[in-house]
Amino acid sequence: MIDTILFDLDGTLLPLDQDEFVHVYFKALAGKFINFGYKPELMIKGVSAGLEAMVKNDGSMTNEEKFWQVFSSIVGNEILNLKPEFDSFYKKEFWAVQDITKPTEYAKKCVQKLKDKGYKLIAATNPVFPQIATYTRLRWAGVDPDDFIHVTTYENSSFSKPNINYYKEILKTVLKQPEQCMMVGNDIQEDMCSLQLGLKTYLITDCIINKNNIDINTFDHGSFEEFEKLVDNMPNIK
């Protein structure tokens, strides 16, 4: 019986254009560190390499450790002394990125309805951001980080989507079996791959990402509005 719902964040709980998000995010971050003598192109190169390294992480270290290892190797180890400035960035300048997001009423409504019915919720966002940035984006979506029993961040994760071990790590952390869980997301490659473990899935099509042009009829799918109707029909499990 399903008692736990995993939600992707970017493009699902928080509708946005992924390419535009990355562009604005990189621009804001690079702009922050011009003041410390770092050229934007070097910062973007370093962050891009760090992100790629986290996606390929093999579980030998946390994503946080992997990011800083690769990032500092490109921009220089002196950047490690500026870690507090990254926290400052996510508290201040990062908020400019909110302007390109398109919050939907269905995120808050579905989260609340599922909580009221007794379901456990997990924010299963690709853990390539620190907790402070992930919690900020959840709030942009109109939901409270405390609504979730677990939020994947680069501090607490050692794998990333679409590595199936990312989902195994979540299940181990929250002590759940695949058949107890449903993964809700907008990316066929990154979110629907959880089917391989036996999770039930639902593809949100509002901001769908389908890089390989897979037939979406392979999956239960619909708009967020249609997903709300599915939630309405789900049983109470309290």
C-alpha atoms as a PDB file:
ATOM      1  CA  MET A   1       0.000   0.000   0.000  1.00  0.00           C
ATOM      2  CA  ILE A   2       1.351   3.414  -0.944  1.00  0.00           C
ATOM      3  CA  ASP A   3       1.896   5.638   2.065  1.00  0.00           C
ATOM      4  CA  THR A   4       4.767   7.858   0.904  1.00  0.00           C
ATOM      5  CA  ILE A   5       4.852  10.376  -1.951  1.00  0.00           C
ATOM      6  CA  LEU A   6       8.120  11.631  -3.429  1.00  0.00           C
ATOM      7  CA  PHE A   7       7.931  14.982  -5.201  1.00  0.00           C
ATOM      8  CA  ASP A   8      10.449  16.392  -7.624  1.00  0.00           C
ATOM      9  CA  LEU A   9      10.932  20.141  -7.150  1.00  0.00           C
ATOM     10  CA  ASP A  10      12.139  22.061 -10.216  1.00  0.00           C
ATOM     11  CA  GLY A  11       9.537  21.751 -12.962  1.00  0.00           C
ATOM     12  CA  THR A  12       7.128  19.862 -10.700  1.00  0.00           C
ATOM     13  CA  LEU A  13       6.339  21.531  -7.373  1.00  0.00           C
ATOM     14  CA  LEU A  14       7.982  24.659  -8.788  1.00  0.00           C
ATOM     15  CA  PRO A  15       7.171  25.145 -12.487  1.00  0.00           C
ATOM     16  CA  LEU A  16      10.022  26.736 -14.432  1.00  0.00           C
ATOM     17  CA  ASP A  17      12.023  26.560 -17.616  1.00  0.00           C
ATOM     18  CA  GLN A  18      15.132  24.561 -16.724  1.00  0.00           C
ATOM     19  CA  ASP A  19      17.446  26.249 -19.232  1.00  0.00           C
ATOM     20  CA  GLU A  20      16.321  29.727 -18.174  1.00  0.00           C
ATOM     21  CA  PHE A  21      16.747  28.788 -14.518  1.00  0.00           C
ATOM     22  CA  VAL A  22      20.331  27.630 -15.058  1.00  0.00           C
ATOM     23  CA  HIS A  23      21.175  30.750 -17.079  1.00  0.00           C
ATOM     24  CA  VAL A  24      19.855  33.187 -14.462  1.00  0.00           C
ATOM     25  CA  TYR A  25      21.347  31.176 -11.595  1.00  0.00           C
ATOM     26  CA  PHE A  26      24.814  31.067 -13.163  1.00  0.00           C
ATOM     27  CA  LYS A  27      24.681  34.774 -13.994  1.00  0.00           C
ATOM     28  CA  ALA A  28      23.742  35.704 -10.424  1.00  0.00           C
ATOM     29  CA  LEU A  29      26.385  33.464  -8.872  1.00  0.00           C
ATOM     30  CA  ALA A  30      29.155  34.644 -11.189  1.00  0.00           C
ATOM     31  CA  GLY A  31      28.163  38.256 -10.573  1.00  0.00           C
ATOM     32  CA  LYS A  32      28.519  37.747  -6.822  1.00  0.00           C
ATOM     33  CA  PHE A  33      32.124  36.629  -7.072  1.00  0.00           C
ATOM     34  CA  ILE A  34      33.366  39.300  -9.461  1.00  0.00           C
ATOM     35  CA  ASN A  35      33.825  41.337  -6.295  1.00  0.00           C
ATOM     36  CA  PHE A  36      36.296  38.738  -5.053  1.00  0.00           C
ATOM     37  CA  GLY A  37      38.364  38.775  -8.235  1.00  0.00           C
ATOM     38  CA  TYR A  38      36.890  35.718  -9.975  1.00  0.00           C
ATOM     39  CA  LYS A  39      36.081  36.020 -13.665  1.00  0.00           C
ATOM     40  CA  PRO A  40      32.503  34.966 -14.502  1.00  0.00           C
ATOM     41  CA  GLU A  41      33.588  32.491 -17.162  1.00  0.00           C
ATOM     42  CA  LEU A  42      35.875  30.713 -14.684  1.00  0.00           C
ATOM     43  CA  MET A  43      33.156  30.529 -12.040  1.00  0.00           C
ATOM     44  CA  ILE A  44      30.635  29.162 -14.520  1.00  0.00           C
ATOM     45  CA  LYS A  45      33.157  26.604 -15.759  1.00  0.00           C
ATOM     46  CA  GLY A  46      33.863  25.510 -12.203  1.00  0.00           C
ATOM     47  CA  VAL A  47      30.227  25.303 -11.136  1.00  0.00           C
ATOM     48  CA  SER A  48      29.306  23.410 -14.312  1.00  0.00           C
ATOM     49  CA  ALA A  49      32.067  20.885 -13.689  1.00  0.00           C
ATOM     50  CA  GLY A  50      30.997  20.542 -10.067  1.00  0.00           C
ATOM     51  CA  LEU A  51      27.392  19.910 -11.086  1.00  0.00           C
ATOM     52  CA  GLU A  52      28.457  17.292 -13.612  1.00  0.00           C
ATOM     53  CA  ALA A  53      30.622  15.597 -10.993  1.00  0.00           C
ATOM     54  CA  MET A  54      27.697  15.384  -8.574  1.00  0.00           C
ATOM     55  CA  VAL A  55      25.496  13.830 -11.253  1.00  0.00           C
ATOM     56  CA  LYS A  56      28.202  11.189 -11.810  1.00  0.00           C
ATOM     57  CA  ASN A  57      28.938  10.702  -8.103  1.00  0.00           C
ATOM     58  CA  ASP A  58      29.448   7.041  -7.220  1.00  0.00           C
ATOM     59  CA  GLY A  59      28.566   7.185  -3.530  1.00  0.00           C
ATOM     60  CA  SER A  60      32.166   7.335  -2.302  1.00  0.00           C
ATOM     61  CA  MET A  61      31.542  10.788  -0.816  1.00  0.00           C
ATOM     62  CA  THR A  62      28.659  13.196  -0.398  1.00  0.00           C
ATOM     63  CA  ASN A  63      27.645  15.406  -3.286  1.00  0.00           C
ATOM     64  CA  GLU A  64      28.809  18.371  -1.232  1.00  0.00           C
ATOM     65  CA  GLU A  65      32.296  16.917  -0.915  1.00  0.00           C
ATOM     66  CA  LYS A  66      32.371  15.999  -4.598  1.00  0.00           C
ATOM     67  CA  PHE A  67      31.278  19.481  -5.680  1.00  0.00           C
ATOM     68  CA  TRP A  68      33.895  21.334  -3.672  1.00  0.00           C
ATOM     69  CA  GLN A  69      36.600  18.899  -4.685  1.00  0.00           C
ATOM     70  CA  VAL A  70      36.002  19.481  -8.392  1.00  0.00           C
ATOM     71  CA  PHE A  71      34.999  23.148  -8.170  1.00  0.00           C
ATOM     72  CA  SER A  72      38.099  24.140  -6.198  1.00  0.00           C
ATOM     73  CA  SER A  73      40.353  22.197  -8.566  1.00  0.00           C
ATOM     74  CA  ILE A  74      39.205  24.484 -11.379  1.00  0.00           C
ATOM     75  CA  VAL A  75      38.908  27.907  -9.746  1.00  0.00           C
ATOM     76  CA  GLY A  76      41.656  27.398  -7.158  1.00  0.00           C
ATOM     77  CA  ASN A  77      41.730  26.166  -3.562  1.00  0.00           C
ATOM     78  CA  GLU A  78      41.479  29.726  -2.276  1.00  0.00           C
ATOM     79  CA  ILE A  79      37.765  29.560  -3.052  1.00  0.00           C
ATOM     80  CA  LEU A  80      37.369  27.248  -0.044  1.00  0.00           C
ATOM     81  CA  ASN A  81      37.945  30.259   2.175  1.00  0.00           C
ATOM     82  CA  LEU A  82      34.858  31.861   0.638  1.00  0.00           C
ATOM     83  CA  LYS A  83      32.353  29.144   1.553  1.00  0.00           C
ATOM     84  CA  PRO A  84      30.505  31.585   3.866  1.00  0.00           C
ATOM     85  CA  GLU A  85      29.990  33.854   0.848  1.00  0.00           C
ATOM     86  CA  PHE A  86      28.138  31.045  -0.909  1.00  0.00           C
ATOM     87  CA  ASP A  87      25.772  30.805   2.048  1.00  0.00           C
ATOM     88  CA  SER A  88      25.341  34.575   1.816  1.00  0.00           C
ATOM     89  CA  PHE A  89      24.589  34.264  -1.897  1.00  0.00           C
ATOM     90  CA  TYR A  90      21.778  31.768  -1.292  1.00  0.00           C
ATOM     91  CA  LYS A  91      20.331  34.014   1.418  1.00  0.00           C
ATOM     92  CA  LYS A  92      20.381  37.145  -0.733  1.00  0.00           C
ATOM     93  CA  GLU A  93      21.284  37.234  -4.446  1.00  0.00           C
ATOM     94  CA  PHE A  94      19.778  33.809  -5.194  1.00  0.00           C
ATOM     95  CA  TRP A  95      16.315  35.263  -4.627  1.00  0.00           C
ATOM     96  CA  ALA A  96      16.600  37.069  -7.979  1.00  0.00           C
ATOM     97  CA  VAL A  97      16.165  33.667  -9.624  1.00  0.00           C
ATOM     98  CA  GLN A  98      12.641  33.481  -8.203  1.00  0.00           C
ATOM     99  CA  ASP A  99      11.493  35.921 -10.888  1.00  0.00           C
ATOM    100  CA  ILE A 100      11.703  33.256 -13.607  1.00  0.00           C
ATOM    101  CA  THR A 101       9.680  30.653 -11.694  1.00  0.00           C
ATOM    102  CA  LYS A 102       5.935  30.197 -12.148  1.00  0.00           C
ATOM    103  CA  PRO A 103       4.442  28.878  -8.888  1.00  0.00           C
ATOM    104  CA  THR A 104       1.290  26.805  -9.169  1.00  0.00           C
ATOM    105  CA  GLU A 105      -1.542  26.631  -6.660  1.00  0.00           C
ATOM    106  CA  TYR A 106      -1.642  22.865  -7.085  1.00  0.00           C
ATOM    107  CA  ALA A 107       1.674  22.323  -5.303  1.00  0.00           C
ATOM    108  CA  LYS A 108       0.463  23.673  -1.980  1.00  0.00           C
ATOM    109  CA  LYS A 109      -3.009  22.161  -2.398  1.00  0.00           C
ATOM    110  CA  CYS A 110      -1.743  18.668  -3.168  1.00  0.00           C
ATOM    111  CA  VAL A 111       0.873  18.713  -0.425  1.00  0.00           C
ATOM    112  CA  GLN A 112      -1.725  19.759   2.136  1.00  0.00           C
ATOM    113  CA  LYS A 113      -4.311  17.241   0.960  1.00  0.00           C
ATOM    114  CA  LEU A 114      -1.811  14.396   1.080  1.00  0.00           C
ATOM    115  CA  LYS A 115      -0.671  15.398   4.555  1.00  0.00           C
ATOM    116  CA  ASP A 116      -4.288  15.557   5.713  1.00  0.00           C
ATOM    117  CA  LYS A 117      -4.852  12.040   4.381  1.00  0.00           C
ATOM    118  CA  GLY A 118      -1.868  10.765   6.361  1.00  0.00           C
ATOM    119  CA  TYR A 119       0.769  10.352   3.648  1.00  0.00           C
ATOM    120  CA  LYS A 120       4.466  10.919   4.311  1.00  0.00           C
ATOM    121  CA  LEU A 121       6.079  13.340   1.858  1.00  0.00           C
ATOM    122  CA  ILE A 122       9.618  13.492   0.503  1.00  0.00           C
ATOM    123  CA  ALA A 123      11.119  16.329  -1.532  1.00  0.00           C
ATOM    124  CA  ALA A 124      13.082  14.240  -4.011  1.00  0.00           C
ATOM    125  CA  THR A 125      14.831  17.035  -5.868  1.00  0.00           C
ATOM    126  CA  ASN A 126      18.134  16.361  -7.583  1.00  0.00           C
ATOM    127  CA  PRO A 127      20.581  16.961  -4.702  1.00  0.00           C
ATOM    128  CA  VAL A 128      23.004  19.302  -6.411  1.00  0.00           C
ATOM    129  CA  PHE A 129      22.142  22.310  -4.233  1.00  0.00           C
ATOM    130  CA  PRO A 130      22.849  22.966  -0.550  1.00  0.00           C
ATOM    131  CA  GLN A 131      20.009  22.748   1.940  1.00  0.00           C
ATOM    132  CA  ILE A 132      19.632  26.514   2.176  1.00  0.00           C
ATOM    133  CA  ALA A 133      19.003  26.798  -1.586  1.00  0.00           C
ATOM    134  CA  THR A 134      16.683  23.787  -1.676  1.00  0.00           C
ATOM    135  CA  TYR A 135      14.562  25.045   1.206  1.00  0.00           C
ATOM    136  CA  THR A 136      14.370  28.448  -0.479  1.00  0.00           C
ATOM    137  CA  ARG A 137      13.044  26.896  -3.697  1.00  0.00           C
ATOM    138  CA  LEU A 138      10.471  24.887  -1.746  1.00  0.00           C
ATOM    139  CA  ARG A 139       9.222  28.130  -0.237  1.00  0.00           C
ATOM    140  CA  TRP A 140       9.058  29.684  -3.710  1.00  0.00           C
ATOM    141  CA  ALA A 141       6.757  26.787  -4.591  1.00  0.00           C
ATOM    142  CA  GLY A 142       4.489  27.754  -1.697  1.00  0.00           C
ATOM    143  CA  VAL A 143       5.272  24.740   0.467  1.00  0.00           C
ATOM    144  CA  ASP A 144       7.014  24.450   3.813  1.00  0.00           C
ATOM    145  CA  PRO A 145      10.195  22.327   4.062  1.00  0.00           C
ATOM    146  CA  ASP A 146       8.742  20.991   7.321  1.00  0.00           C
ATOM    147  CA  ASP A 147       5.945  19.388   5.277  1.00  0.00           C
ATOM    148  CA  PHE A 148       8.475  16.734   4.225  1.00  0.00           C
ATOM    149  CA  ILE A 149      10.002  13.945   6.286  1.00  0.00           C
ATOM    150  CA  HIS A 150      13.106  14.100   4.080  1.00  0.00           C
ATOM    151  CA  VAL A 151      14.518  16.632   1.622  1.00  0.00           C
ATOM    152  CA  THR A 152      17.429  15.540  -0.547  1.00  0.00           C
ATOM    153  CA  THR A 153      20.270  18.079  -0.642  1.00  0.00           C
ATOM    154  CA  TYR A 154      23.929  17.921  -1.574  1.00  0.00           C
ATOM    155  CA  GLU A 155      24.844  17.575   2.108  1.00  0.00           C
ATOM    156  CA  ASN A 156      22.838  14.378   2.721  1.00  0.00           C
ATOM    157  CA  SER A 157      23.122  12.617  -0.654  1.00  0.00           C
ATOM    158  CA  SER A 158      25.872  10.636  -2.344  1.00  0.00           C
ATOM    159  CA  PHE A 159      24.158  10.045  -5.683  1.00  0.00           C
ATOM    160  CA  SER A 160      22.082  12.113  -8.106  1.00  0.00           C
ATOM    161  CA  LYS A 161      19.350  11.506 -10.631  1.00  0.00           C
ATOM    162  CA  PRO A 162      19.082   9.555 -12.878  1.00  0.00           C
ATOM    163  CA  ASN A 163      21.314   7.120 -10.960  1.00  0.00           C
ATOM    164  CA  ILE A 164      18.935   4.544  -9.512  1.00  0.00           C
ATOM    165  CA  ASN A 165      21.087   4.489  -6.379  1.00  0.00           C
ATOM    166  CA  TYR A 166      19.714   7.968  -5.617  1.00  0.00           C
ATOM    167  CA  TYR A 167      16.306   6.397  -5.000  1.00  0.00           C
ATOM    168  CA  LYS A 168      17.795   3.457  -3.120  1.00  0.00           C
ATOM    169  CA  GLU A 169      19.521   5.931  -0.810  1.00  0.00           C
ATOM    170  CA  ILE A 170      16.226   7.704  -0.105  1.00  0.00           C
ATOM    171  CA  LEU A 171      14.394   4.459   0.654  1.00  0.00           C
ATOM    172  CA  LYS A 172      17.166   3.386   3.010  1.00  0.00           C
ATOM    173  CA  THR A 173      17.080   6.745   4.778  1.00  0.00           C
ATOM    174  CA  VAL A 174      13.316   6.797   5.334  1.00  0.00           C
ATOM    175  CA  LEU A 175      12.999   3.024   5.906  1.00  0.00           C
ATOM    176  CA  LYS A 176      10.486   2.450   3.115  1.00  0.00           C
ATOM    177  CA  GLN A 177      10.018  -0.284   0.524  1.00  0.00           C
ATOM    178  CA  PRO A 178       9.529   0.646  -3.168  1.00  0.00           C
ATOM    179  CA  GLU A 179       5.941  -0.586  -3.212  1.00  0.00           C
ATOM    180  CA  GLN A 180       5.080   1.895  -0.458  1.00  0.00           C
ATOM    181  CA  CYS A 181       6.132   4.876  -2.584  1.00  0.00           C
ATOM    182  CA  MET A 182       5.026   7.000  -5.515  1.00  0.00           C
ATOM    183  CA  MET A 183       7.428   9.304  -7.380  1.00  0.00           C
ATOM    184  CA  VAL A 184       5.850  12.422  -8.885  1.00  0.00           C
ATOM    185  CA  GLY A 185       7.978  14.353 -11.347  1.00  0.00           C
ATOM    186  CA  ASN A 186       8.245  16.072 -14.727  1.00  0.00           C
ATOM    187  CA  ASP A 187      11.433  14.510 -16.117  1.00  0.00           C
ATOM    188  CA  ILE A 188      11.076  11.117 -17.784  1.00  0.00           C
ATOM    189  CA  GLN A 189      14.759  10.256 -17.533  1.00  0.00           C
ATOM    190  CA  GLU A 190      15.374  11.490 -13.989  1.00  0.00           C
ATOM    191  CA  ASP A 191      12.057  10.804 -12.262  1.00  0.00           C
ATOM    192  CA  MET A 192      10.356   7.954 -14.092  1.00  0.00           C
ATOM    193  CA  CYS A 193      13.501   5.806 -13.824  1.00  0.00           C
ATOM    194  CA  SER A 194      12.341   5.070 -10.261  1.00  0.00           C
ATOM    195  CA  LEU A 195       9.974   2.563 -11.882  1.00  0.00           C
ATOM    196  CA  GLN A 196      12.982   0.247 -12.140  1.00  0.00           C
ATOM    197  CA  LEU A 197      12.938  -0.142  -8.363  1.00  0.00           C
ATOM    198  CA  GLY A 198       9.213  -0.766  -8.220  1.00  0.00           C
ATOM    199  CA  LEU A 199       7.990   2.676  -7.198  1.00  0.00           C
ATOM    200  CA  LYS A 200       4.693   3.791  -8.652  1.00  0.00           C
ATOM    201  CA  THR A 201       5.138   6.953 -10.718  1.00  0.00           C
ATOM    202  CA  TYR A 202       3.151   9.905 -11.995  1.00  0.00           C
ATOM    203  CA  LEU A 203       4.476  12.169 -14.746  1.00  0.00           C
ATOM    204  CA  ILE A 204       3.473  15.844 -14.415  1.00  0.00           C
ATOM    205  CA  THR A 205       3.261  17.178 -17.962  1.00  0.00           C
ATOM    206  CA  ASP A 206       3.048  20.941 -17.349  1.00  0.00           C
ATOM    207  CA  CYS A 207       6.842  21.396 -17.621  1.00  0.00           C
ATOM    208  CA  ILE A 208       7.676  17.989 -19.045  1.00  0.00           C
ATOM    209  CA  ILE A 209      11.285  17.101 -19.896  1.00  0.00           C
ATOM    210  CA  ASN A 210      11.528  14.247 -22.387  1.00  0.00           C
ATOM    211  CA  LYS A 211      15.020  14.347 -23.882  1.00  0.00           C
ATOM    212  CA  ASN A 212      14.709  10.953 -25.555  1.00  0.00           C
ATOM    213  CA  ASN A 213      11.194  11.471 -26.924  1.00  0.00           C
ATOM    214  CA  ILE A 214       9.808   8.483 -25.052  1.00  0.00           C
ATOM    215  CA  ASP A 215       6.106   7.742 -25.443  1.00  0.00           C
ATOM    216  CA  ILE A 216       4.562   9.294 -22.327  1.00  0.00           C
ATOM    217  CA  ASN A 217       1.672   6.852 -22.523  1.00  0.00           C
ATOM    218  CA  THR A 218       4.111   4.407 -20.972  1.00  0.00           C
ATOM    219  CA  PHE A 219       3.514   6.238 -17.701  1.00  0.00           C
ATOM    220  CA  ASP A 220       0.578   7.444 -15.640  1.00  0.00           C
ATOM    221  CA  HIS A 221       0.604  11.121 -16.555  1.00  0.00           C
ATOM    222  CA  GLY A 222      -1.328  14.361 -16.602  1.00  0.00           C
ATOM    223  CA  SER A 223      -1.253  18.008 -15.616  1.00  0.00           C
ATOM    224  CA  PHE A 224      -0.814  19.060 -11.993  1.00  0.00           C
ATOM    225  CA  GLU A 225      -4.519  19.871 -11.994  1.00  0.00           C
ATOM    226  CA  GLU A 226      -5.267  16.291 -13.044  1.00  0.00           C
ATOM    227  CA  PHE A 227      -2.885  15.000 -10.386  1.00  0.00           C
ATOM    228  CA  GLU A 228      -4.906  16.878  -7.764  1.00  0.00           C
ATOM    229  CA  LYS A 229      -7.971  14.900  -8.843  1.00  0.00           C
ATOM    230  CA  LEU A 230      -5.971  11.699  -8.364  1.00  0.00           C
ATOM    231  CA  VAL A 231      -5.001  12.903  -4.869  1.00  0.00           C
ATOM    232  CA  ASP A 232      -8.663  13.567  -4.081  1.00  0.00           C
ATOM    233  CA  ASN A 233      -9.427   9.944  -4.851  1.00  0.00           C
ATOM    234  CA  MET A 234      -6.558   8.478  -2.862  1.00  0.00           C
ATOM    235  CA  PRO A 235      -7.603   6.769   0.380  1.00  0.00           C
ATOM    236  CA  ASN A 236      -7.064   8.188   3.832  1.00  0.00           C
ATOM    237  CA  ILE A 237      -4.377   6.177   5.590  1.00  0.00           C
ATOM    238  CA  LYS A 238      -4.454   7.750   9.033  1.00  0.00           C
END
